[in-house]
Amino acid sequence: MGSHPVRDGVGHRAFRRKQAALKRRTKREQLPCGYASPSGWGCGEQIDADLPATDAMSFTADHDEALDNGGKLLGFLVPMHRRCNSRKSNHAAAEIWEAT
């Protein structure tokens, strides 16, 4: 068995619905890569939602907080290019502290 817990399928189906809704919104409103991302990831360029899923510039729904870092499957999703999402990987937002 892998490192990920076994899912009952209910959450996964809900994630797919949420992902599809974000893709429709991205296409309709021409949302840019990383739109509304609290962590600031994404290149900001427009996403072509009609590209095949294997294309580097195709749509993906990114979990702003990576699942590996405690994010939730049905948590906040951000539209991103496949390439940008791969570069982000499971990195968390950098926290910058002011010198004292």
N, C-alpha and C. Protein backbone atom coordinates (compact mmCIF):
# COMPACT_ATOMS: atom_id res chain seq x y z
N MET A 1 0.84 -1.19 0.00
CA MET A 1 0.00 0.00 0.00
C MET A 1 0.88 1.24 0.00
N GLY A 2 0.47 2.27 -0.73
CA GLY A 2 1.25 3.49 -0.86
C GLY A 2 1.17 4.38 0.37
N SER A 3 1.76 5.55 0.26
CA SER A 3 1.80 6.47 1.39
C SER A 3 0.50 7.26 1.56
N HIS A 4 -0.35 7.25 0.54
CA HIS A 4 -1.62 7.97 0.64
C HIS A 4 -2.70 7.06 1.21
N PRO A 5 -3.57 7.61 2.07
CA PRO A 5 -4.64 6.79 2.63
C PRO A 5 -5.64 6.37 1.55
N VAL A 6 -6.29 5.26 1.79
CA VAL A 6 -7.30 4.76 0.86
C VAL A 6 -8.51 5.69 0.94
N ARG A 7 -9.02 6.10 -0.21
CA ARG A 7 -10.18 6.98 -0.24
C ARG A 7 -11.42 6.14 -0.52
N ASP A 8 -12.55 6.59 0.01
CA ASP A 8 -13.80 5.88 -0.22
C ASP A 8 -14.43 6.25 -1.56
N GLY A 9 -13.86 7.21 -2.27
CA GLY A 9 -14.37 7.61 -3.57
C GLY A 9 -15.32 8.79 -3.52
N VAL A 10 -15.96 9.02 -2.40
CA VAL A 10 -16.92 10.12 -2.30
C VAL A 10 -16.21 11.46 -2.43
N GLY A 11 -15.14 11.65 -1.67
CA GLY A 11 -14.38 12.89 -1.73
C GLY A 11 -13.75 13.09 -3.09
N HIS A 12 -13.30 12.00 -3.70
CA HIS A 12 -12.66 12.08 -5.01
C HIS A 12 -13.66 12.55 -6.07
N ARG A 13 -14.87 12.04 -6.02
CA ARG A 13 -15.89 12.48 -6.98
C ARG A 13 -16.24 13.95 -6.76
N ALA A 14 -16.31 14.37 -5.51
CA ALA A 14 -16.59 15.77 -5.21
C ALA A 14 -15.45 16.66 -5.71
N PHE A 15 -14.20 16.18 -5.58
CA PHE A 15 -13.05 16.93 -6.10
C PHE A 15 -13.16 17.07 -7.61
N ARG A 16 -13.51 15.99 -8.31
CA ARG A 16 -13.63 16.05 -9.78
C ARG A 16 -14.71 17.05 -10.20
N ARG A 17 -15.82 17.10 -9.46
CA ARG A 17 -16.87 18.08 -9.77
C ARG A 17 -16.36 19.51 -9.56
N LYS A 18 -15.65 19.72 -8.46
CA LYS A 18 -15.11 21.04 -8.15
C LYS A 18 -14.06 21.45 -9.20
N GLN A 19 -13.24 20.50 -9.61
CA GLN A 19 -12.22 20.73 -10.63
C GLN A 19 -12.88 21.11 -11.97
N ALA A 20 -13.92 20.38 -12.35
CA ALA A 20 -14.63 20.66 -13.61
C ALA A 20 -15.29 22.03 -13.57
N ALA A 21 -15.86 22.40 -12.41
CA ALA A 21 -16.49 23.72 -12.28
C ALA A 21 -15.44 24.83 -12.42
N LEU A 22 -14.26 24.63 -11.84
CA LEU A 22 -13.19 25.62 -11.95
C LEU A 22 -12.71 25.73 -13.40
N LYS A 23 -12.64 24.61 -14.10
CA LYS A 23 -12.23 24.64 -15.50
C LYS A 23 -13.24 25.41 -16.34
N ARG A 24 -14.54 25.19 -16.10
CA ARG A 24 -15.58 25.93 -16.83
C ARG A 24 -15.47 27.43 -16.55
N ARG A 25 -15.26 27.78 -15.27
CA ARG A 25 -15.14 29.20 -14.90
C ARG A 25 -13.89 29.81 -15.53
N THR A 26 -12.79 29.07 -15.52
CA THR A 26 -11.54 29.55 -16.12
C THR A 26 -11.74 29.85 -17.59
N LYS A 27 -12.44 28.97 -18.29
CA LYS A 27 -12.69 29.16 -19.72
C LYS A 27 -13.64 30.34 -19.94
N ARG A 28 -14.71 30.41 -19.16
CA ARG A 28 -15.74 31.45 -19.33
C ARG A 28 -15.18 32.84 -19.02
N GLU A 29 -14.42 32.97 -17.91
CA GLU A 29 -13.93 34.27 -17.46
C GLU A 29 -12.49 34.54 -17.88
N GLN A 30 -11.89 33.60 -18.60
CA GLN A 30 -10.49 33.71 -19.05
C GLN A 30 -9.56 34.03 -17.88
N LEU A 31 -9.67 33.22 -16.83
CA LEU A 31 -8.84 33.43 -15.64
C LEU A 31 -7.38 33.11 -15.95
N PRO A 32 -6.46 33.88 -15.39
CA PRO A 32 -5.04 33.63 -15.62
C PRO A 32 -4.50 32.54 -14.70
N CYS A 33 -3.34 32.04 -15.04
CA CYS A 33 -2.66 31.03 -14.23
C CYS A 33 -2.34 31.62 -12.85
N GLY A 34 -2.77 30.93 -11.81
CA GLY A 34 -2.52 31.37 -10.44
C GLY A 34 -3.53 32.37 -9.92
N TYR A 35 -4.66 32.55 -10.63
CA TYR A 35 -5.69 33.52 -10.23
C TYR A 35 -6.12 33.31 -8.78
N ALA A 36 -6.07 34.34 -7.97
CA ALA A 36 -6.51 34.35 -6.57
C ALA A 36 -5.70 33.43 -5.67
N SER A 37 -4.48 33.10 -6.07
CA SER A 37 -3.63 32.23 -5.26
C SER A 37 -3.06 33.00 -4.08
N PRO A 38 -3.41 32.62 -2.85
CA PRO A 38 -2.85 33.31 -1.69
C PRO A 38 -1.33 33.17 -1.61
N SER A 39 -0.79 32.08 -2.16
CA SER A 39 0.65 31.86 -2.08
C SER A 39 1.42 32.54 -3.21
N GLY A 40 0.72 33.08 -4.22
CA GLY A 40 1.37 33.83 -5.27
C GLY A 40 2.00 33.00 -6.38
N TRP A 41 1.73 31.70 -6.43
CA TRP A 41 2.28 30.87 -7.50
C TRP A 41 1.48 31.08 -8.78
N GLY A 42 2.09 30.81 -9.91
CA GLY A 42 1.44 30.94 -11.21
C GLY A 42 2.09 32.03 -12.02
N CYS A 43 2.08 31.87 -13.34
CA CYS A 43 2.76 32.82 -14.22
C CYS A 43 1.90 34.02 -14.59
N GLY A 44 0.59 33.95 -14.37
CA GLY A 44 -0.30 35.06 -14.68
C GLY A 44 -0.79 35.11 -16.12
N GLU A 45 -0.32 34.19 -16.96
CA GLU A 45 -0.76 34.15 -18.35
C GLU A 45 -2.09 33.41 -18.47
N GLN A 46 -2.82 33.70 -19.54
CA GLN A 46 -4.12 33.07 -19.76
C GLN A 46 -3.97 31.56 -19.97
N ILE A 47 -4.97 30.80 -19.54
CA ILE A 47 -4.98 29.34 -19.68
C ILE A 47 -5.95 28.97 -20.79
N ASP A 48 -5.50 28.16 -21.73
CA ASP A 48 -6.37 27.64 -22.79
C ASP A 48 -6.98 26.34 -22.28
N ALA A 49 -8.23 26.39 -21.85
CA ALA A 49 -8.90 25.23 -21.26
C ALA A 49 -9.23 24.15 -22.28
N ASP A 50 -9.03 24.42 -23.56
CA ASP A 50 -9.32 23.43 -24.60
C ASP A 50 -8.12 22.58 -25.00
N LEU A 51 -6.95 22.89 -24.48
CA LEU A 51 -5.76 22.10 -24.81
C LEU A 51 -5.88 20.70 -24.21
N PRO A 52 -5.27 19.70 -24.84
CA PRO A 52 -5.30 18.35 -24.25
C PRO A 52 -4.56 18.34 -22.91
N ALA A 53 -5.00 17.47 -22.01
CA ALA A 53 -4.45 17.42 -20.65
C ALA A 53 -2.95 17.17 -20.62
N THR A 54 -2.40 16.59 -21.67
CA THR A 54 -0.97 16.29 -21.70
C THR A 54 -0.11 17.50 -22.09
N ASP A 55 -0.73 18.56 -22.58
CA ASP A 55 0.01 19.76 -22.99
C ASP A 55 0.52 20.51 -21.76
N ALA A 56 1.73 21.04 -21.84
CA ALA A 56 2.33 21.76 -20.71
C ALA A 56 1.56 23.01 -20.32
N MET A 57 0.83 23.59 -21.27
CA MET A 57 0.08 24.82 -20.99
C MET A 57 -1.41 24.55 -20.76
N SER A 58 -1.79 23.30 -20.55
CA SER A 58 -3.19 22.95 -20.33
C SER A 58 -3.61 23.29 -18.90
N PHE A 59 -4.91 23.27 -18.68
CA PHE A 59 -5.50 23.58 -17.37
C PHE A 59 -5.25 22.48 -16.36
N THR A 60 -4.90 22.88 -15.14
CA THR A 60 -4.94 21.98 -13.98
C THR A 60 -5.52 22.77 -12.82
N ALA A 61 -6.12 22.06 -11.89
CA ALA A 61 -6.63 22.67 -10.67
C ALA A 61 -5.63 22.36 -9.57
N ASP A 62 -4.96 23.38 -9.08
CA ASP A 62 -3.92 23.21 -8.07
C ASP A 62 -4.49 23.41 -6.67
N HIS A 63 -4.09 22.55 -5.75
CA HIS A 63 -4.41 22.77 -4.34
C HIS A 63 -3.44 23.82 -3.84
N ASP A 64 -3.96 24.97 -3.39
CA ASP A 64 -3.06 26.03 -2.94
C ASP A 64 -2.16 25.52 -1.82
N GLU A 65 -2.72 24.76 -0.90
CA GLU A 65 -1.91 24.10 0.13
C GLU A 65 -1.80 22.64 -0.29
N ALA A 66 -0.60 22.21 -0.63
CA ALA A 66 -0.38 20.86 -1.14
C ALA A 66 -0.92 19.80 -0.19
N LEU A 67 -1.46 18.73 -0.76
CA LEU A 67 -1.98 17.63 0.06
C LEU A 67 -0.88 17.06 0.95
N ASP A 68 0.35 17.01 0.44
CA ASP A 68 1.49 16.51 1.22
C ASP A 68 1.78 17.39 2.43
N ASN A 69 1.37 18.66 2.37
CA ASN A 69 1.63 19.60 3.46
C ASN A 69 0.41 19.83 4.34
N GLY A 70 -0.56 18.94 4.27
CA GLY A 70 -1.74 19.04 5.12
C GLY A 70 -2.95 19.66 4.46
N GLY A 71 -2.87 19.97 3.16
CA GLY A 71 -4.02 20.52 2.45
C GLY A 71 -5.14 19.49 2.34
N LYS A 72 -6.32 19.96 2.11
CA LYS A 72 -7.50 19.10 2.01
C LYS A 72 -7.85 18.86 0.55
N LEU A 73 -8.32 17.65 0.23
CA LEU A 73 -8.69 17.30 -1.13
C LEU A 73 -9.71 18.28 -1.69
N LEU A 74 -10.66 18.69 -0.87
CA LEU A 74 -11.69 19.63 -1.31
C LEU A 74 -11.38 21.05 -0.88
N GLY A 75 -10.11 21.33 -0.59
CA GLY A 75 -9.69 22.67 -0.19
C GLY A 75 -9.69 23.65 -1.35
N PHE A 76 -9.11 24.81 -1.12
CA PHE A 76 -9.08 25.90 -2.10
C PHE A 76 -8.30 25.48 -3.33
N LEU A 77 -8.92 25.59 -4.51
CA LEU A 77 -8.28 25.23 -5.78
C LEU A 77 -7.98 26.48 -6.59
N VAL A 78 -6.84 26.46 -7.28
CA VAL A 78 -6.37 27.58 -8.09
C VAL A 78 -6.15 27.09 -9.51
N PRO A 79 -6.63 27.83 -10.54
CA PRO A 79 -6.35 27.41 -11.92
C PRO A 79 -4.89 27.67 -12.25
N MET A 80 -4.23 26.65 -12.82
CA MET A 80 -2.83 26.79 -13.20
C MET A 80 -2.55 26.02 -14.48
N HIS A 81 -1.48 26.42 -15.16
CA HIS A 81 -0.97 25.62 -16.27
C HIS A 81 -0.34 24.35 -15.68
N ARG A 82 -0.37 23.28 -16.42
CA ARG A 82 0.27 22.04 -15.97
C ARG A 82 1.74 22.29 -15.65
N ARG A 83 2.42 23.05 -16.52
CA ARG A 83 3.85 23.34 -16.32
C ARG A 83 4.08 24.10 -15.01
N CYS A 84 3.28 25.12 -14.75
CA CYS A 84 3.44 25.92 -13.53
C CYS A 84 3.13 25.10 -12.29
N ASN A 85 2.10 24.25 -12.38
CA ASN A 85 1.74 23.39 -11.26
C ASN A 85 2.86 22.40 -10.97
N SER A 86 3.49 21.88 -12.01
CA SER A 86 4.60 20.95 -11.82
C SER A 86 5.79 21.64 -11.17
N ARG A 87 6.05 22.87 -11.57
CA ARG A 87 7.15 23.63 -10.96
C ARG A 87 6.87 23.92 -9.50
N LYS A 88 5.63 24.22 -9.19
CA LYS A 88 5.26 24.49 -7.80
C LYS A 88 5.43 23.24 -6.96
N SER A 89 5.06 22.09 -7.53
CA SER A 89 5.14 20.80 -6.84
C SER A 89 4.39 20.91 -5.51
N ASN A 90 5.04 20.54 -4.41
CA ASN A 90 4.37 20.61 -3.11
C ASN A 90 5.00 21.70 -2.24
N HIS A 91 5.62 22.69 -2.87
CA HIS A 91 6.24 23.78 -2.11
C HIS A 91 5.18 24.62 -1.42
N ALA A 92 5.48 25.03 -0.23
CA ALA A 92 4.59 25.91 0.51
C ALA A 92 4.99 27.36 0.23
N ALA A 93 4.11 28.27 0.51
CA ALA A 93 4.42 29.69 0.35
C ALA A 93 5.55 30.06 1.30
N ALA A 94 6.47 30.85 0.82
CA ALA A 94 7.59 31.29 1.67
C ALA A 94 7.08 32.32 2.67
N GLU A 95 7.50 32.17 3.89
CA GLU A 95 7.13 33.13 4.92
C GLU A 95 8.35 33.98 5.20
N ILE A 96 8.24 35.29 5.01
CA ILE A 96 9.38 36.19 5.18
C ILE A 96 9.18 36.96 6.47
N TRP A 97 10.20 36.91 7.30
CA TRP A 97 10.15 37.58 8.59
C TRP A 97 11.00 38.85 8.51
N GLU A 98 10.50 39.90 9.11
CA GLU A 98 11.23 41.16 9.13
C GLU A 98 12.34 41.07 10.18
N ALA A 99 13.50 41.58 9.84
CA ALA A 99 14.63 41.57 10.78
C ALA A 99 14.34 42.49 11.95
N THR A 100 14.78 42.08 13.13
CA THR A 100 14.56 42.93 14.31
C THR A 100 15.87 43.40 14.89
